[in-house]
Amino acid sequence: MERDKDAERDSIKTIKGDAHDALDEAKQRVLAGGEKMKRAAMGDEMPLGDRIASHVKETGHEFKAEVDKTKRDLRDKEG
């Protein structure tokens, strides 16, 4: 009986963790897309330094999104 409760608790924790990480991943991907769109919209009007900073932000958001995806994948493999 105790084992069933542990499995249920672990399942709930997994679902909560997956949902949290999926939302974080989506948020980061939207932010990365926003940076890309900002550069596309401004085009040559955007100073080089701002374009570089925007690209770095985009890369950072993509990296964070991949971290969240990896956390979900690892959690799925454990279960």
N, C-alpha and C. Protein backbone atom coordinates (compact mmCIF):
# COMPACT_ATOMS: atom_id res chain seq x y z
N MET A 1 0.82 -1.19 0.00
CA MET A 1 0.00 0.00 0.00
C MET A 1 0.87 1.26 0.00
N GLU A 2 1.90 1.23 0.80
CA GLU A 2 2.81 2.38 0.90
C GLU A 2 3.50 2.64 -0.45
N ARG A 3 3.81 1.57 -1.15
CA ARG A 3 4.47 1.68 -2.45
C ARG A 3 3.57 2.38 -3.46
N ASP A 4 2.27 2.12 -3.40
CA ASP A 4 1.31 2.76 -4.30
C ASP A 4 1.27 4.27 -4.05
N LYS A 5 1.31 4.67 -2.79
CA LYS A 5 1.30 6.09 -2.46
C LYS A 5 2.57 6.77 -2.97
N ASP A 6 3.71 6.10 -2.84
CA ASP A 6 4.97 6.66 -3.34
C ASP A 6 4.92 6.82 -4.85
N ALA A 7 4.40 5.83 -5.55
CA ALA A 7 4.30 5.89 -7.01
C ALA A 7 3.36 7.01 -7.44
N GLU A 8 2.26 7.14 -6.72
CA GLU A 8 1.29 8.20 -7.04
C GLU A 8 1.91 9.58 -6.80
N ARG A 9 2.61 9.74 -5.68
CA ARG A 9 3.26 11.01 -5.35
C ARG A 9 4.32 11.34 -6.40
N ASP A 10 5.11 10.34 -6.80
CA ASP A 10 6.13 10.56 -7.82
C ASP A 10 5.51 10.94 -9.15
N SER A 11 4.39 10.32 -9.48
CA SER A 11 3.69 10.62 -10.73
C SER A 11 3.19 12.06 -10.73
N ILE A 12 2.62 12.49 -9.62
CA ILE A 12 2.13 13.87 -9.51
C ILE A 12 3.29 14.85 -9.60
N LYS A 13 4.39 14.55 -8.93
CA LYS A 13 5.57 15.42 -9.01
C LYS A 13 6.09 15.49 -10.43
N THR A 14 6.06 14.38 -11.15
CA THR A 14 6.53 14.34 -12.53
C THR A 14 5.64 15.20 -13.42
N ILE A 15 4.34 15.06 -13.24
CA ILE A 15 3.40 15.85 -14.04
C ILE A 15 3.57 17.34 -13.77
N LYS A 16 3.68 17.70 -12.50
CA LYS A 16 3.88 19.11 -12.15
C LYS A 16 5.20 19.63 -12.72
N GLY A 17 6.26 18.85 -12.59
CA GLY A 17 7.56 19.27 -13.11
C GLY A 17 7.55 19.41 -14.62
N ASP A 18 6.92 18.45 -15.29
CA ASP A 18 6.82 18.51 -16.75
C ASP A 18 6.04 19.74 -17.21
N ALA A 19 4.93 20.01 -16.54
CA ALA A 19 4.12 21.16 -16.91
C ALA A 19 4.89 22.46 -16.70
N HIS A 20 5.57 22.56 -15.57
CA HIS A 20 6.35 23.76 -15.27
C HIS A 20 7.46 23.95 -16.30
N ASP A 21 8.18 22.89 -16.60
CA ASP A 21 9.28 22.99 -17.56
C ASP A 21 8.77 23.27 -18.97
N ALA A 22 7.62 22.71 -19.33
CA ALA A 22 7.04 22.97 -20.66
C ALA A 22 6.65 24.44 -20.80
N LEU A 23 6.06 24.99 -19.75
CA LEU A 23 5.70 26.41 -19.78
C LEU A 23 6.94 27.29 -19.85
N ASP A 24 7.95 26.97 -19.06
CA ASP A 24 9.20 27.73 -19.11
C ASP A 24 9.84 27.64 -20.48
N GLU A 25 9.84 26.45 -21.07
CA GLU A 25 10.42 26.28 -22.40
C GLU A 25 9.67 27.14 -23.42
N ALA A 26 8.35 27.10 -23.38
CA ALA A 26 7.55 27.88 -24.32
C ALA A 26 7.82 29.37 -24.16
N LYS A 27 7.89 29.82 -22.91
CA LYS A 27 8.16 31.24 -22.64
C LYS A 27 9.51 31.65 -23.22
N GLN A 28 10.53 30.83 -23.02
CA GLN A 28 11.85 31.15 -23.53
C GLN A 28 11.88 31.16 -25.06
N ARG A 29 11.17 30.24 -25.68
CA ARG A 29 11.13 30.19 -27.15
C ARG A 29 10.40 31.42 -27.71
N VAL A 30 9.35 31.88 -27.02
CA VAL A 30 8.65 33.09 -27.45
C VAL A 30 9.57 34.30 -27.33
N LEU A 31 10.29 34.38 -26.23
CA LEU A 31 11.23 35.50 -26.05
C LEU A 31 12.32 35.48 -27.11
N ALA A 32 12.83 34.30 -27.44
CA ALA A 32 13.85 34.18 -28.49
C ALA A 32 13.28 34.63 -29.83
N GLY A 33 12.05 34.20 -30.12
CA GLY A 33 11.41 34.61 -31.37
C GLY A 33 11.18 36.11 -31.42
N GLY A 34 10.87 36.70 -30.28
CA GLY A 34 10.69 38.15 -30.21
C GLY A 34 11.96 38.90 -30.55
N GLU A 35 13.07 38.40 -30.06
CA GLU A 35 14.36 39.03 -30.38
C GLU A 35 14.65 38.94 -31.88
N LYS A 36 14.37 37.79 -32.45
CA LYS A 36 14.60 37.58 -33.88
C LYS A 36 13.70 38.50 -34.70
N MET A 37 12.44 38.62 -34.30
CA MET A 37 11.50 39.49 -35.01
C MET A 37 11.89 40.96 -34.88
N LYS A 38 12.39 41.32 -33.71
CA LYS A 38 12.81 42.70 -33.50
C LYS A 38 13.94 43.07 -34.46
N ARG A 39 14.90 42.16 -34.61
CA ARG A 39 16.00 42.42 -35.54
C ARG A 39 15.51 42.49 -36.97
N ALA A 40 14.58 41.59 -37.33
CA ALA A 40 14.05 41.58 -38.70
C ALA A 40 13.26 42.86 -38.98
N ALA A 41 12.49 43.32 -38.01
CA ALA A 41 11.66 44.51 -38.21
C ALA A 41 12.50 45.77 -38.34
N MET A 42 13.53 45.88 -37.53
CA MET A 42 14.35 47.08 -37.55
C MET A 42 15.36 47.07 -38.70
N GLY A 43 15.75 45.89 -39.09
CA GLY A 43 16.67 45.77 -40.22
C GLY A 43 17.95 46.57 -40.02
N ASP A 44 18.34 47.31 -41.06
CA ASP A 44 19.59 48.07 -41.02
C ASP A 44 19.52 49.29 -40.11
N GLU A 45 18.32 49.66 -39.68
CA GLU A 45 18.18 50.80 -38.76
C GLU A 45 18.72 50.46 -37.37
N MET A 46 18.79 49.16 -37.05
CA MET A 46 19.26 48.74 -35.73
C MET A 46 20.79 48.81 -35.72
N PRO A 47 21.36 49.55 -34.77
CA PRO A 47 22.81 49.63 -34.68
C PRO A 47 23.44 48.25 -34.47
N LEU A 48 24.66 48.09 -34.94
CA LEU A 48 25.35 46.81 -34.87
C LEU A 48 25.42 46.29 -33.43
N GLY A 49 25.74 47.14 -32.49
CA GLY A 49 25.83 46.71 -31.09
C GLY A 49 24.51 46.17 -30.58
N ASP A 50 23.41 46.82 -30.96
CA ASP A 50 22.09 46.36 -30.55
C ASP A 50 21.73 45.03 -31.21
N ARG A 51 22.13 44.86 -32.46
CA ARG A 51 21.88 43.59 -33.15
C ARG A 51 22.63 42.46 -32.47
N ILE A 52 23.89 42.73 -32.11
CA ILE A 52 24.69 41.71 -31.43
C ILE A 52 24.06 41.36 -30.08
N ALA A 53 23.68 42.38 -29.33
CA ALA A 53 23.06 42.15 -28.02
C ALA A 53 21.76 41.36 -28.17
N SER A 54 20.98 41.67 -29.18
CA SER A 54 19.73 40.96 -29.42
C SER A 54 20.00 39.50 -29.78
N HIS A 55 21.02 39.28 -30.59
CA HIS A 55 21.36 37.91 -30.98
C HIS A 55 21.82 37.11 -29.75
N VAL A 56 22.59 37.74 -28.89
CA VAL A 56 23.04 37.08 -27.66
C VAL A 56 21.84 36.74 -26.78
N LYS A 57 20.89 37.66 -26.66
CA LYS A 57 19.67 37.40 -25.88
C LYS A 57 18.91 36.23 -26.47
N GLU A 58 18.77 36.23 -27.80
CA GLU A 58 18.06 35.13 -28.47
C GLU A 58 18.72 33.80 -28.16
N THR A 59 20.04 33.76 -28.28
CA THR A 59 20.78 32.53 -28.01
C THR A 59 20.60 32.09 -26.56
N GLY A 60 20.61 33.03 -25.64
CA GLY A 60 20.40 32.71 -24.22
C GLY A 60 19.02 32.12 -23.98
N HIS A 61 18.01 32.71 -24.61
CA HIS A 61 16.65 32.18 -24.45
C HIS A 61 16.53 30.78 -25.04
N GLU A 62 17.14 30.56 -26.20
CA GLU A 62 17.11 29.23 -26.81
C GLU A 62 17.81 28.21 -25.92
N PHE A 63 18.94 28.61 -25.32
CA PHE A 63 19.67 27.71 -24.43
C PHE A 63 18.81 27.34 -23.22
N LYS A 64 18.16 28.33 -22.62
CA LYS A 64 17.30 28.06 -21.46
C LYS A 64 16.15 27.14 -21.84
N ALA A 65 15.60 27.33 -23.04
CA ALA A 65 14.51 26.48 -23.50
C ALA A 65 14.99 25.03 -23.65
N GLU A 66 16.19 24.86 -24.18
CA GLU A 66 16.74 23.50 -24.33
C GLU A 66 17.01 22.86 -22.98
N VAL A 67 17.42 23.65 -22.00
CA VAL A 67 17.64 23.12 -20.65
C VAL A 67 16.32 22.60 -20.08
N ASP A 68 15.25 23.38 -20.24
CA ASP A 68 13.94 22.94 -19.75
C ASP A 68 13.47 21.68 -20.47
N LYS A 69 13.70 21.60 -21.76
CA LYS A 69 13.33 20.41 -22.54
C LYS A 69 14.12 19.20 -22.06
N THR A 70 15.40 19.39 -21.81
CA THR A 70 16.25 18.30 -21.35
C THR A 70 15.81 17.80 -19.97
N LYS A 71 15.43 18.73 -19.09
CA LYS A 71 14.95 18.33 -17.77
C LYS A 71 13.72 17.44 -17.89
N ARG A 72 12.80 17.80 -18.80
CA ARG A 72 11.62 16.97 -19.02
C ARG A 72 12.00 15.61 -19.57
N ASP A 73 12.90 15.60 -20.54
CA ASP A 73 13.33 14.33 -21.14
C ASP A 73 13.98 13.42 -20.11
N LEU A 74 14.82 13.97 -19.26
CA LEU A 74 15.47 13.17 -18.22
C LEU A 74 14.45 12.63 -17.22
N ARG A 75 13.49 13.46 -16.86
CA ARG A 75 12.46 13.03 -15.92
C ARG A 75 11.64 11.88 -16.53
N ASP A 76 11.37 11.95 -17.82
CA ASP A 76 10.61 10.89 -18.50
C ASP A 76 11.40 9.59 -18.53
N LYS A 77 12.71 9.68 -18.69
CA LYS A 77 13.54 8.47 -18.73
C LYS A 77 13.64 7.81 -17.37
N GLU A 78 13.60 8.63 -16.31
CA GLU A 78 13.67 8.08 -14.94
C GLU A 78 12.40 7.31 -14.60
N GLY A 79 11.27 7.83 -15.10
CA GLY A 79 9.98 7.23 -14.74
C GLY A 79 9.71 6.00 -15.53
